[in-house]
């Protein structure tokens, strides 16, 4: 059975958004201490680089040290990854473009709008 993003409650989506914003703001404060001249887009690029985007790597010690609240502790993040994986597998099955087992998920948070304080 295909899992969908609709299976994640509105509270779950809000929880993920709040966690991404919390981590981004914390990261941005640290970056701006050493590089206050960076533009918001540059901070966001650095935040992307800081994240462990490949699902296969999100259980490593590096990932768990950087963002345990998301990679280890977030039930909603697991549901989101399951829904993304399921959607990719469904696409592959319908189009014949590849094997379901070939799905390798990359997922990250991106924050825009100059929210860093």
Foldseek 3Di string as FASTA:
>chain_A
DAAALPVQDPVLVVVVVVLQLVLLQVQVVVVCVVPVPDDPVVSQVVQVVQADFWLVCCVDPSNCVSCVCQSPNRPSNVSVVSNVLRVVQVVCVVPVPDHSVPDIGTDDDGDDDPPHD
